[in-house]
């Protein structure tokens, strides 16, 4: 499984989140299921320690951009 994982940080992670949320990294442009998955990560993340104000705002903006 490790060979299929990757880690992004800072600007690269932010850029990836926005590309995924907007469907730009999807095989089908604007695929609604991808945005639903991002929303679910946001919902779960809010309950996790370390998901502070910055990540909260970032995810809100990414979800808005994906609409």
C-alpha atoms as a PDB file:
ATOM      1  CA  UNK A   1       0.000   0.000   0.000  1.00  0.00           C
ATOM      2  CA  UNK A   2       2.852   2.417   0.800  1.00  0.00           C
ATOM      3  CA  UNK A   3       3.963   2.598  -2.802  1.00  0.00           C
ATOM      4  CA  UNK A   4       0.590   4.159  -3.691  1.00  0.00           C
ATOM      5  CA  UNK A   5       0.629   6.852  -0.975  1.00  0.00           C
ATOM      6  CA  UNK A   6       2.130  10.314  -1.150  1.00  0.00           C
ATOM      7  CA  UNK A   7       2.555  13.211   1.241  1.00  0.00           C
ATOM      8  CA  UNK A   8       2.040  16.840   0.347  1.00  0.00           C
ATOM      9  CA  UNK A   9       2.784  19.814   2.563  1.00  0.00           C
ATOM     10  CA  UNK A  10       2.063  23.518   2.671  1.00  0.00           C
ATOM     11  CA  UNK A  11       1.216  25.044  -0.712  1.00  0.00           C
ATOM     12  CA  UNK A  12       1.278  21.679  -2.489  1.00  0.00           C
ATOM     13  CA  UNK A  13      -1.274  20.233  -0.047  1.00  0.00           C
ATOM     14  CA  UNK A  14      -3.500  23.296  -0.369  1.00  0.00           C
ATOM     15  CA  UNK A  15      -3.326  23.198  -4.149  1.00  0.00           C
ATOM     16  CA  UNK A  16      -4.176  19.485  -4.153  1.00  0.00           C
ATOM     17  CA  UNK A  17      -7.184  19.993  -1.871  1.00  0.00           C
ATOM     18  CA  UNK A  18      -8.597  22.694  -4.153  1.00  0.00           C
ATOM     19  CA  UNK A  19      -7.959  20.644  -7.314  1.00  0.00           C
ATOM     20  CA  UNK A  20      -9.685  17.624  -5.798  1.00  0.00           C
ATOM     21  CA  UNK A  21     -12.605  19.666  -4.416  1.00  0.00           C
ATOM     22  CA  UNK A  22     -13.224  21.338  -7.737  1.00  0.00           C
ATOM     23  CA  UNK A  23     -13.048  18.032  -9.605  1.00  0.00           C
ATOM     24  CA  UNK A  24      -9.979  18.992 -11.646  1.00  0.00           C
ATOM     25  CA  UNK A  25      -8.161  15.804 -10.581  1.00  0.00           C
ATOM     26  CA  UNK A  26     -11.168  13.632 -11.421  1.00  0.00           C
ATOM     27  CA  UNK A  27     -11.602  11.495 -14.511  1.00  0.00           C
ATOM     28  CA  UNK A  28     -15.038  13.085 -14.907  1.00  0.00           C
ATOM     29  CA  UNK A  29     -14.851  16.875 -14.539  1.00  0.00           C
ATOM     30  CA  UNK A  30     -17.139  18.140 -11.789  1.00  0.00           C
ATOM     31  CA  UNK A  31     -17.907  14.688 -10.402  1.00  0.00           C
ATOM     32  CA  UNK A  32     -20.154  15.268  -7.362  1.00  0.00           C
ATOM     33  CA  UNK A  33     -18.970  12.213  -5.442  1.00  0.00           C
ATOM     34  CA  UNK A  34     -15.489  13.681  -5.003  1.00  0.00           C
ATOM     35  CA  UNK A  35     -16.849  16.830  -3.340  1.00  0.00           C
ATOM     36  CA  UNK A  36     -18.991  14.630  -1.089  1.00  0.00           C
ATOM     37  CA  UNK A  37     -15.851  12.788   0.012  1.00  0.00           C
ATOM     38  CA  UNK A  38     -14.084  16.078   0.771  1.00  0.00           C
ATOM     39  CA  UNK A  39     -17.122  17.165   2.826  1.00  0.00           C
ATOM     40  CA  UNK A  40     -16.963  13.887   4.767  1.00  0.00           C
ATOM     41  CA  UNK A  41     -13.245  14.371   5.500  1.00  0.00           C
ATOM     42  CA  UNK A  42     -14.064  17.878   6.735  1.00  0.00           C
ATOM     43  CA  UNK A  43     -16.814  16.550   8.998  1.00  0.00           C
ATOM     44  CA  UNK A  44     -14.590  13.816  10.472  1.00  0.00           C
ATOM     45  CA  UNK A  45     -11.615  16.175  10.742  1.00  0.00           C
ATOM     46  CA  UNK A  46     -13.529  18.652  12.866  1.00  0.00           C
ATOM     47  CA  UNK A  47     -13.726  16.006  15.591  1.00  0.00           C
ATOM     48  CA  UNK A  48      -9.977  15.303  15.477  1.00  0.00           C
ATOM     49  CA  UNK A  49      -7.350  17.020  17.590  1.00  0.00           C
ATOM     50  CA  UNK A  50      -5.215  19.344  15.506  1.00  0.00           C
ATOM     51  CA  UNK A  51      -7.941  20.289  13.018  1.00  0.00           C
ATOM     52  CA  UNK A  52      -7.751  23.910  14.031  1.00  0.00           C
ATOM     53  CA  UNK A  53      -9.006  27.199  12.694  1.00  0.00           C
ATOM     54  CA  UNK A  54      -6.651  27.192   9.701  1.00  0.00           C
ATOM     55  CA  UNK A  55      -7.681  23.768   8.413  1.00  0.00           C
ATOM     56  CA  UNK A  56     -11.311  24.521   9.157  1.00  0.00           C
ATOM     57  CA  UNK A  57     -11.188  27.670   7.020  1.00  0.00           C
ATOM     58  CA  UNK A  58      -9.199  25.963   4.276  1.00  0.00           C
ATOM     59  CA  UNK A  59     -11.720  23.145   3.946  1.00  0.00           C
ATOM     60  CA  UNK A  60     -14.660  25.572   3.967  1.00  0.00           C
ATOM     61  CA  UNK A  61     -13.067  27.532   1.111  1.00  0.00           C
ATOM     62  CA  UNK A  62     -12.247  24.365  -0.834  1.00  0.00           C
ATOM     63  CA  UNK A  63     -15.816  23.071  -0.500  1.00  0.00           C
ATOM     64  CA  UNK A  64     -17.206  26.438  -1.605  1.00  0.00           C
ATOM     65  CA  UNK A  65     -14.855  26.439  -4.599  1.00  0.00           C
ATOM     66  CA  UNK A  66     -16.024  22.941  -5.494  1.00  0.00           C
ATOM     67  CA  UNK A  67     -19.675  23.948  -5.705  1.00  0.00           C
END
